[in-house]
Amino acid sequence: MIIDPTELKAARDRLSRIQGQIGGIVRMIDEGRDCTDILTQLSAASTALTRAGFSIISTGMAHCANDPEGSDNRAALEKAFMSLA
């Protein structure tokens, strides 16, 4: 299923922030920062990544609800949704 990129802008913006977070985590490791600080940032990035995934899936599911022939798409989205759990 193809979704108009404008509908995924919020998820894309979140992914861009996560990309910056990951760069910061790599720098923290390179600088020898405290492991609990690194893990805190890693946890935040992981949560943000999961939320971006849920956002994308929910947008896709909304499209399937309006598509009378969307059962194949729904099955694929359900599988993707379960992979995030």
PDB file of N, CA and C in Angstrom:
ATOM      1  N   MET A   1       0.843  -1.170   0.000  1.00  0.00           N
ATOM      2  CA  MET A   1       0.000   0.000   0.000  1.00  0.00           C
ATOM      3  C   MET A   1       0.892   1.238   0.000  1.00  0.00           C
ATOM      4  N   ILE A   2       0.557   2.163  -0.849  1.00  0.00           N
ATOM      5  CA  ILE A   2       1.284   3.427  -0.932  1.00  0.00           C
ATOM      6  C   ILE A   2       0.433   4.491  -0.245  1.00  0.00           C
ATOM      7  N   ILE A   3       1.062   5.243   0.638  1.00  0.00           N
ATOM      8  CA  ILE A   3       0.373   6.317   1.345  1.00  0.00           C
ATOM      9  C   ILE A   3       1.025   7.636   0.946  1.00  0.00           C
ATOM     10  N   ASP A   4       0.216   8.641   0.715  1.00  0.00           N
ATOM     11  CA  ASP A   4       0.713   9.966   0.361  1.00  0.00           C
ATOM     12  C   ASP A   4       1.681  10.442   1.451  1.00  0.00           C
ATOM     13  N   PRO A   5       2.895  10.844   1.077  1.00  0.00           N
ATOM     14  CA  PRO A   5       3.891  11.282   2.063  1.00  0.00           C
ATOM     15  C   PRO A   5       3.409  12.412   2.975  1.00  0.00           C
ATOM     16  N   THR A   6       2.502  13.240   2.496  1.00  0.00           N
ATOM     17  CA  THR A   6       2.019  14.328   3.357  1.00  0.00           C
ATOM     18  C   THR A   6       1.237  13.785   4.554  1.00  0.00           C
ATOM     19  N   GLU A   7       0.630  12.619   4.390  1.00  0.00           N
ATOM     20  CA  GLU A   7      -0.103  12.000   5.492  1.00  0.00           C
ATOM     21  C   GLU A   7       0.843  11.406   6.540  1.00  0.00           C
ATOM     22  N   LEU A   8       2.075  11.191   6.157  1.00  0.00           N
ATOM     23  CA  LEU A   8       3.064  10.600   7.063  1.00  0.00           C
ATOM     24  C   LEU A   8       4.076  11.626   7.572  1.00  0.00           C
ATOM     25  N   LYS A   9       3.769  12.914   7.404  1.00  0.00           N
ATOM     26  CA  LYS A   9       4.712  13.960   7.788  1.00  0.00           C
ATOM     27  C   LYS A   9       5.085  13.884   9.272  1.00  0.00           C
ATOM     28  N   ALA A  10       4.112  13.677  10.139  1.00  0.00           N
ATOM     29  CA  ALA A  10       4.398  13.611  11.574  1.00  0.00           C
ATOM     30  C   ALA A  10       5.353  12.449  11.887  1.00  0.00           C
ATOM     31  N   ALA A  11       5.112  11.311  11.269  1.00  0.00           N
ATOM     32  CA  ALA A  11       5.992  10.152  11.490  1.00  0.00           C
ATOM     33  C   ALA A  11       7.379  10.428  10.930  1.00  0.00           C
ATOM     34  N   ARG A  12       7.452  11.073   9.773  1.00  0.00           N
ATOM     35  CA  ARG A  12       8.739  11.395   9.171  1.00  0.00           C
ATOM     36  C   ARG A  12       9.512  12.377  10.048  1.00  0.00           C
ATOM     37  N   ASP A  13       8.815  13.378  10.578  1.00  0.00           N
ATOM     38  CA  ASP A  13       9.465  14.337  11.470  1.00  0.00           C
ATOM     39  C   ASP A  13      10.004  13.643  12.718  1.00  0.00           C
ATOM     40  N   ARG A  14       9.224  12.723  13.252  1.00  0.00           N
ATOM     41  CA  ARG A  14       9.665  11.965  14.432  1.00  0.00           C
ATOM     42  C   ARG A  14      10.911  11.142  14.085  1.00  0.00           C
ATOM     43  N   LEU A  15      10.905  10.518  12.916  1.00  0.00           N
ATOM     44  CA  LEU A  15      12.062   9.715  12.501  1.00  0.00           C
ATOM     45  C   LEU A  15      13.315  10.578  12.327  1.00  0.00           C
ATOM     46  N   SER A  16      13.137  11.792  11.849  1.00  0.00           N
ATOM     47  CA  SER A  16      14.285  12.700  11.722  1.00  0.00           C
ATOM     48  C   SER A  16      14.863  13.035  13.095  1.00  0.00           C
ATOM     49  N   ARG A  17      13.980  13.253  14.077  1.00  0.00           N
ATOM     50  CA  ARG A  17      14.465  13.517  15.442  1.00  0.00           C
ATOM     51  C   ARG A  17      15.179  12.298  16.006  1.00  0.00           C
ATOM     52  N   ILE A  18      14.633  11.120  15.729  1.00  0.00           N
ATOM     53  CA  ILE A  18      15.265   9.884  16.208  1.00  0.00           C
ATOM     54  C   ILE A  18      16.649   9.726  15.593  1.00  0.00           C
ATOM     55  N   GLN A  19      16.768  10.075  14.334  1.00  0.00           N
ATOM     56  CA  GLN A  19      18.064   9.993  13.662  1.00  0.00           C
ATOM     57  C   GLN A  19      19.092  10.848  14.407  1.00  0.00           C
ATOM     58  N   GLY A  20      18.694  12.043  14.816  1.00  0.00           N
ATOM     59  CA  GLY A  20      19.581  12.897  15.598  1.00  0.00           C
ATOM     60  C   GLY A  20      19.896  12.294  16.959  1.00  0.00           C
ATOM     61  N   GLN A  21      18.875  11.680  17.580  1.00  0.00           N
ATOM     62  CA  GLN A  21      19.079  11.023  18.873  1.00  0.00           C
ATOM     63  C   GLN A  21      20.106   9.902  18.761  1.00  0.00           C
ATOM     64  N   ILE A  22      20.000   9.115  17.715  1.00  0.00           N
ATOM     65  CA  ILE A  22      20.926   7.993  17.529  1.00  0.00           C
ATOM     66  C   ILE A  22      22.348   8.514  17.359  1.00  0.00           C
ATOM     67  N   GLY A  23      22.502   9.590  16.590  1.00  0.00           N
ATOM     68  CA  GLY A  23      23.825  10.202  16.450  1.00  0.00           C
ATOM     69  C   GLY A  23      24.377  10.641  17.794  1.00  0.00           C
ATOM     70  N   GLY A  24      23.503  11.202  18.634  1.00  0.00           N
ATOM     71  CA  GLY A  24      23.920  11.604  19.972  1.00  0.00           C
ATOM     72  C   GLY A  24      24.328  10.420  20.825  1.00  0.00           C
ATOM     73  N   ILE A  25      23.626   9.318  20.692  1.00  0.00           N
ATOM     74  CA  ILE A  25      23.963   8.106  21.460  1.00  0.00           C
ATOM     75  C   ILE A  25      25.328   7.577  21.029  1.00  0.00           C
ATOM     76  N   VAL A  26      25.582   7.567  19.729  1.00  0.00           N
ATOM     77  CA  VAL A  26      26.885   7.108  19.228  1.00  0.00           C
ATOM     78  C   VAL A  26      27.996   7.998  19.794  1.00  0.00           C
ATOM     79  N   ARG A  27      27.758   9.320  19.809  1.00  0.00           N
ATOM     80  CA  ARG A  27      28.762  10.232  20.375  1.00  0.00           C
ATOM     81  C   ARG A  27      28.977   9.955  21.857  1.00  0.00           C
ATOM     82  N   MET A  28      27.894   9.677  22.573  1.00  0.00           N
ATOM     83  CA  MET A  28      28.004   9.365  24.000  1.00  0.00           C
ATOM     84  C   MET A  28      28.893   8.144  24.209  1.00  0.00           C
ATOM     85  N   ILE A  29      28.707   7.140  23.380  1.00  0.00           N
ATOM     86  CA  ILE A  29      29.536   5.930  23.480  1.00  0.00           C
ATOM     87  C   ILE A  29      30.990   6.273  23.184  1.00  0.00           C
ATOM     88  N   ASP A  30      31.218   7.034  22.103  1.00  0.00           N
ATOM     89  CA  ASP A  30      32.579   7.415  21.723  1.00  0.00           C
ATOM     90  C   ASP A  30      33.267   8.234  22.812  1.00  0.00           C
ATOM     91  N   GLU A  31      32.490   9.018  23.553  1.00  0.00           N
ATOM     92  CA  GLU A  31      33.045   9.860  24.612  1.00  0.00           C
ATOM     93  C   GLU A  31      33.201   9.106  25.929  1.00  0.00           C
ATOM     94  N   GLY A  32      32.735   7.868  25.971  1.00  0.00           N
ATOM     95  CA  GLY A  32      32.855   7.072  27.188  1.00  0.00           C
ATOM     96  C   GLY A  32      31.916   7.522  28.289  1.00  0.00           C
ATOM     97  N   ARG A  33      30.731   7.986  27.911  1.00  0.00           N
ATOM     98  CA  ARG A  33      29.760   8.466  28.890  1.00  0.00           C
ATOM     99  C   ARG A  33      29.215   7.317  29.724  1.00  0.00           C
ATOM    100  N   ASP A  34      28.599   7.675  30.825  1.00  0.00           N
ATOM    101  CA  ASP A  34      28.026   6.711  31.760  1.00  0.00           C
ATOM    102  C   ASP A  34      27.002   5.825  31.049  1.00  0.00           C
ATOM    103  N   CYS A  35      27.079   4.526  31.314  1.00  0.00           N
ATOM    104  CA  CYS A  35      26.212   3.575  30.601  1.00  0.00           C
ATOM    105  C   CYS A  35      24.738   3.793  30.918  1.00  0.00           C
ATOM    106  N   THR A  36      24.404   4.236  32.126  1.00  0.00           N
ATOM    107  CA  THR A  36      22.985   4.464  32.424  1.00  0.00           C
ATOM    108  C   THR A  36      22.445   5.640  31.616  1.00  0.00           C
ATOM    109  N   ASP A  37      23.252   6.664  31.388  1.00  0.00           N
ATOM    110  CA  ASP A  37      22.825   7.786  30.542  1.00  0.00           C
ATOM    111  C   ASP A  37      22.614   7.315  29.101  1.00  0.00           C
ATOM    112  N   ILE A  38      23.515   6.473  28.630  1.00  0.00           N
ATOM    113  CA  ILE A  38      23.400   5.937  27.273  1.00  0.00           C
ATOM    114  C   ILE A  38      22.125   5.107  27.146  1.00  0.00           C
ATOM    115  N   LEU A  39      21.879   4.244  28.130  1.00  0.00           N
ATOM    116  CA  LEU A  39      20.692   3.384  28.075  1.00  0.00           C
ATOM    117  C   LEU A  39      19.403   4.193  28.164  1.00  0.00           C
ATOM    118  N   THR A  40      19.423   5.277  28.935  1.00  0.00           N
ATOM    119  CA  THR A  40      18.246   6.148  29.012  1.00  0.00           C
ATOM    120  C   THR A  40      17.928   6.738  27.646  1.00  0.00           C
ATOM    121  N   GLN A  41      18.946   7.229  26.962  1.00  0.00           N
ATOM    122  CA  GLN A  41      18.750   7.802  25.634  1.00  0.00           C
ATOM    123  C   GLN A  41      18.343   6.729  24.617  1.00  0.00           C
ATOM    124  N   LEU A  42      18.930   5.550  24.741  1.00  0.00           N
ATOM    125  CA  LEU A  42      18.587   4.445  23.847  1.00  0.00           C
ATOM    126  C   LEU A  42      17.128   4.033  24.035  1.00  0.00           C
ATOM    127  N   SER A  43      16.681   4.003  25.263  1.00  0.00           N
ATOM    128  CA  SER A  43      15.289   3.671  25.553  1.00  0.00           C
ATOM    129  C   SER A  43      14.348   4.717  24.960  1.00  0.00           C
ATOM    130  N   ALA A  44      14.700   5.983  25.094  1.00  0.00           N
ATOM    131  CA  ALA A  44      13.867   7.056  24.536  1.00  0.00           C
ATOM    132  C   ALA A  44      13.781   6.943  23.016  1.00  0.00           C
ATOM    133  N   ALA A  45      14.907   6.653  22.366  1.00  0.00           N
ATOM    134  CA  ALA A  45      14.920   6.508  20.909  1.00  0.00           C
ATOM    135  C   ALA A  45      14.090   5.297  20.485  1.00  0.00           C
ATOM    136  N   SER A  46      14.200   4.223  21.229  1.00  0.00           N
ATOM    137  CA  SER A  46      13.439   3.011  20.917  1.00  0.00           C
ATOM    138  C   SER A  46      11.937   3.271  21.024  1.00  0.00           C
ATOM    139  N   THR A  47      11.519   3.950  22.076  1.00  0.00           N
ATOM    140  CA  THR A  47      10.112   4.279  22.261  1.00  0.00           C
ATOM    141  C   THR A  47       9.609   5.173  21.135  1.00  0.00           C
ATOM    142  N   ALA A  48      10.412   6.166  20.768  1.00  0.00           N
ATOM    143  CA  ALA A  48      10.030   7.070  19.689  1.00  0.00           C
ATOM    144  C   ALA A  48       9.920   6.324  18.360  1.00  0.00           C
ATOM    145  N   LEU A  49      10.817   5.383  18.127  1.00  0.00           N
ATOM    146  CA  LEU A  49      10.779   4.590  16.902  1.00  0.00           C
ATOM    147  C   LEU A  49       9.511   3.735  16.846  1.00  0.00           C
ATOM    148  N   THR A  50       9.156   3.131  17.957  1.00  0.00           N
ATOM    149  CA  THR A  50       7.938   2.330  18.023  1.00  0.00           C
ATOM    150  C   THR A  50       6.707   3.196  17.762  1.00  0.00           C
ATOM    151  N   ARG A  51       6.690   4.383  18.336  1.00  0.00           N
ATOM    152  CA  ARG A  51       5.548   5.283  18.127  1.00  0.00           C
ATOM    153  C   ARG A  51       5.448   5.716  16.668  1.00  0.00           C
ATOM    154  N   ALA A  52       6.571   5.945  16.030  1.00  0.00           N
ATOM    155  CA  ALA A  52       6.547   6.290  14.605  1.00  0.00           C
ATOM    156  C   ALA A  52       5.957   5.126  13.807  1.00  0.00           C
ATOM    157  N   GLY A  53       6.345   3.913  14.161  1.00  0.00           N
ATOM    158  CA  GLY A  53       5.797   2.735  13.481  1.00  0.00           C
ATOM    159  C   GLY A  53       4.301   2.617  13.671  1.00  0.00           C
ATOM    160  N   PHE A  54       3.823   2.826  14.897  1.00  0.00           N
ATOM    161  CA  PHE A  54       2.385   2.767  15.155  1.00  0.00           C
ATOM    162  C   PHE A  54       1.649   3.853  14.374  1.00  0.00           C
ATOM    163  N   SER A  55       2.246   5.018  14.273  1.00  0.00           N
ATOM    164  CA  SER A  55       1.634   6.109  13.513  1.00  0.00           C
ATOM    165  C   SER A  55       1.471   5.734  12.041  1.00  0.00           C
ATOM    166  N   ILE A  56       2.506   5.145  11.473  1.00  0.00           N
ATOM    167  CA  ILE A  56       2.452   4.736  10.070  1.00  0.00           C
ATOM    168  C   ILE A  56       1.408   3.637   9.864  1.00  0.00           C
ATOM    169  N   ILE A  57       1.395   2.672  10.765  1.00  0.00           N
ATOM    170  CA  ILE A  57       0.427   1.583  10.647  1.00  0.00           C
ATOM    171  C   ILE A  57      -1.004   2.089  10.815  1.00  0.00           C
ATOM    172  N   SER A  58      -1.229   2.992  11.760  1.00  0.00           N
ATOM    173  CA  SER A  58      -2.593   3.486  11.959  1.00  0.00           C
ATOM    174  C   SER A  58      -3.072   4.273  10.738  1.00  0.00           C
ATOM    175  N   THR A  59      -2.168   5.002  10.092  1.00  0.00           N
ATOM    176  CA  THR A  59      -2.538   5.703   8.864  1.00  0.00           C
ATOM    177  C   THR A  59      -2.909   4.701   7.783  1.00  0.00           C
ATOM    178  N   GLY A  60      -2.128   3.633   7.667  1.00  0.00           N
ATOM    179  CA  GLY A  60      -2.439   2.593   6.685  1.00  0.00           C
ATOM    180  C   GLY A  60      -3.759   1.906   6.981  1.00  0.00           C
ATOM    181  N   MET A  61      -4.031   1.643   8.253  1.00  0.00           N
ATOM    182  CA  MET A  61      -5.292   0.998   8.615  1.00  0.00           C
ATOM    183  C   MET A  61      -6.480   1.895   8.309  1.00  0.00           C
ATOM    184  N   ALA A  62      -6.317   3.188   8.484  1.00  0.00           N
ATOM    185  CA  ALA A  62      -7.395   4.109   8.145  1.00  0.00           C
ATOM    186  C   ALA A  62      -7.695   4.042   6.644  1.00  0.00           C
ATOM    187  N   HIS A  63      -6.661   3.895   5.840  1.00  0.00           N
ATOM    188  CA  HIS A  63      -6.862   3.753   4.403  1.00  0.00           C
ATOM    189  C   HIS A  63      -7.578   2.438   4.089  1.00  0.00           C
ATOM    190  N   CYS A  64      -7.205   1.369   4.768  1.00  0.00           N
ATOM    191  CA  CYS A  64      -7.841   0.066   4.528  1.00  0.00           C
ATOM    192  C   CYS A  64      -9.315   0.094   4.887  1.00  0.00           C
ATOM    193  N   ALA A  65      -9.666   0.852   5.927  1.00  0.00           N
ATOM    194  CA  ALA A  65     -11.065   0.921   6.349  1.00  0.00           C
ATOM    195  C   ALA A  65     -11.929   1.519   5.251  1.00  0.00           C
ATOM    196  N   ASN A  66     -11.327   2.366   4.428  1.00  0.00           N
ATOM    197  CA  ASN A  66     -12.075   3.001   3.352  1.00  0.00           C
ATOM    198  C   ASN A  66     -11.946   2.259   2.025  1.00  0.00           C
ATOM    199  N   ASP A  67     -11.181   1.175   2.014  1.00  0.00           N
ATOM    200  CA  ASP A  67     -10.930   0.426   0.786  1.00  0.00           C
ATOM    201  C   ASP A  67     -11.691  -0.894   0.839  1.00  0.00           C
ATOM    202  N   PRO A  68     -12.734  -1.055   0.023  1.00  0.00           N
ATOM    203  CA  PRO A  68     -13.525  -2.288   0.082  1.00  0.00           C
ATOM    204  C   PRO A  68     -12.728  -3.537  -0.285  1.00  0.00           C
ATOM    205  N   GLU A  69     -11.648  -3.382  -1.023  1.00  0.00           N
ATOM    206  CA  GLU A  69     -10.833  -4.535  -1.398  1.00  0.00           C
ATOM    207  C   GLU A  69      -9.533  -4.563  -0.608  1.00  0.00           C
ATOM    208  N   GLY A  70      -9.538  -4.004   0.576  1.00  0.00           N
ATOM    209  CA  GLY A  70      -8.309  -3.856   1.339  1.00  0.00           C
ATOM    210  C   GLY A  70      -7.975  -4.999   2.276  1.00  0.00           C
ATOM    211  N   SER A  71      -8.593  -6.166   2.123  1.00  0.00           N
ATOM    212  CA  SER A  71      -8.341  -7.257   3.064  1.00  0.00           C
ATOM    213  C   SER A  71      -6.888  -7.729   3.029  1.00  0.00           C
ATOM    214  N   ASP A  72      -6.271  -7.770   1.841  1.00  0.00           N
ATOM    215  CA  ASP A  72      -4.862  -8.162   1.773  1.00  0.00           C
ATOM    216  C   ASP A  72      -3.992  -7.137   2.471  1.00  0.00           C
ATOM    217  N   ASN A  73      -4.286  -5.855   2.255  1.00  0.00           N
ATOM    218  CA  ASN A  73      -3.544  -4.795   2.927  1.00  0.00           C
ATOM    219  C   ASN A  73      -3.746  -4.865   4.432  1.00  0.00           C
ATOM    220  N   ARG A  74      -4.976  -5.124   4.866  1.00  0.00           N
ATOM    221  CA  ARG A  74      -5.256  -5.232   6.299  1.00  0.00           C
ATOM    222  C   ARG A  74      -4.448  -6.348   6.932  1.00  0.00           C
ATOM    223  N   ALA A  75      -4.373  -7.481   6.265  1.00  0.00           N
ATOM    224  CA  ALA A  75      -3.614  -8.615   6.803  1.00  0.00           C
ATOM    225  C   ALA A  75      -2.135  -8.254   6.929  1.00  0.00           C
ATOM    226  N   ALA A  76      -1.587  -7.579   5.932  1.00  0.00           N
ATOM    227  CA  ALA A  76      -0.177  -7.173   5.983  1.00  0.00           C
ATOM    228  C   ALA A  76       0.051  -6.161   7.092  1.00  0.00           C
ATOM    229  N   LEU A  77      -0.876  -5.223   7.257  1.00  0.00           N
ATOM    230  CA  LEU A  77      -0.738  -4.223   8.317  1.00  0.00           C
ATOM    231  C   LEU A  77      -0.884  -4.850   9.697  1.00  0.00           C
ATOM    232  N   GLU A  78      -1.790  -5.815   9.837  1.00  0.00           N
ATOM    233  CA  GLU A  78      -1.925  -6.509  11.115  1.00  0.00           C
ATOM    234  C   GLU A  78      -0.627  -7.228  11.484  1.00  0.00           C
ATOM    235  N   LYS A  79      -0.014  -7.858  10.504  1.00  0.00           N
ATOM    236  CA  LYS A  79       1.256  -8.548  10.739  1.00  0.00           C
ATOM    237  C   LYS A  79       2.333  -7.534  11.160  1.00  0.00           C
ATOM    238  N   ALA A  80       2.399  -6.403  10.465  1.00  0.00           N
ATOM    239  CA  ALA A  80       3.363  -5.365  10.809  1.00  0.00           C
ATOM    240  C   ALA A  80       3.088  -4.813  12.209  1.00  0.00           C
ATOM    241  N   PHE A  81       1.825  -4.613  12.528  1.00  0.00           N
ATOM    242  CA  PHE A  81       1.449  -4.121  13.850  1.00  0.00           C
ATOM    243  C   PHE A  81       1.924  -5.083  14.934  1.00  0.00           C
ATOM    244  N   MET A  82       1.707  -6.350  14.730  1.00  0.00           N
ATOM    245  CA  MET A  82       2.106  -7.345  15.726  1.00  0.00           C
ATOM    246  C   MET A  82       3.626  -7.416  15.876  1.00  0.00           C
ATOM    247  N   SER A  83       4.356  -7.092  14.819  1.00  0.00           N
ATOM    248  CA  SER A  83       5.805  -7.123  14.927  1.00  0.00           C
ATOM    249  C   SER A  83       6.333  -6.002  15.819  1.00  0.00           C
ATOM    250  N   LEU A  84       5.537  -4.948  16.023  1.00  0.00           N
ATOM    251  CA  LEU A  84       5.943  -3.853  16.894  1.00  0.00           C
ATOM    252  C   LEU A  84       5.660  -4.159  18.360  1.00  0.00           C
ATOM    253  N   ALA A  85       4.801  -5.117  18.610  1.00  0.00           N
ATOM    254  CA  ALA A  85       4.414  -5.435  20.000  1.00  0.00           C
ATOM    255  C   ALA A  85       5.499  -6.194  20.726  1.00  0.00           C
TER     256      ALA A  85
END
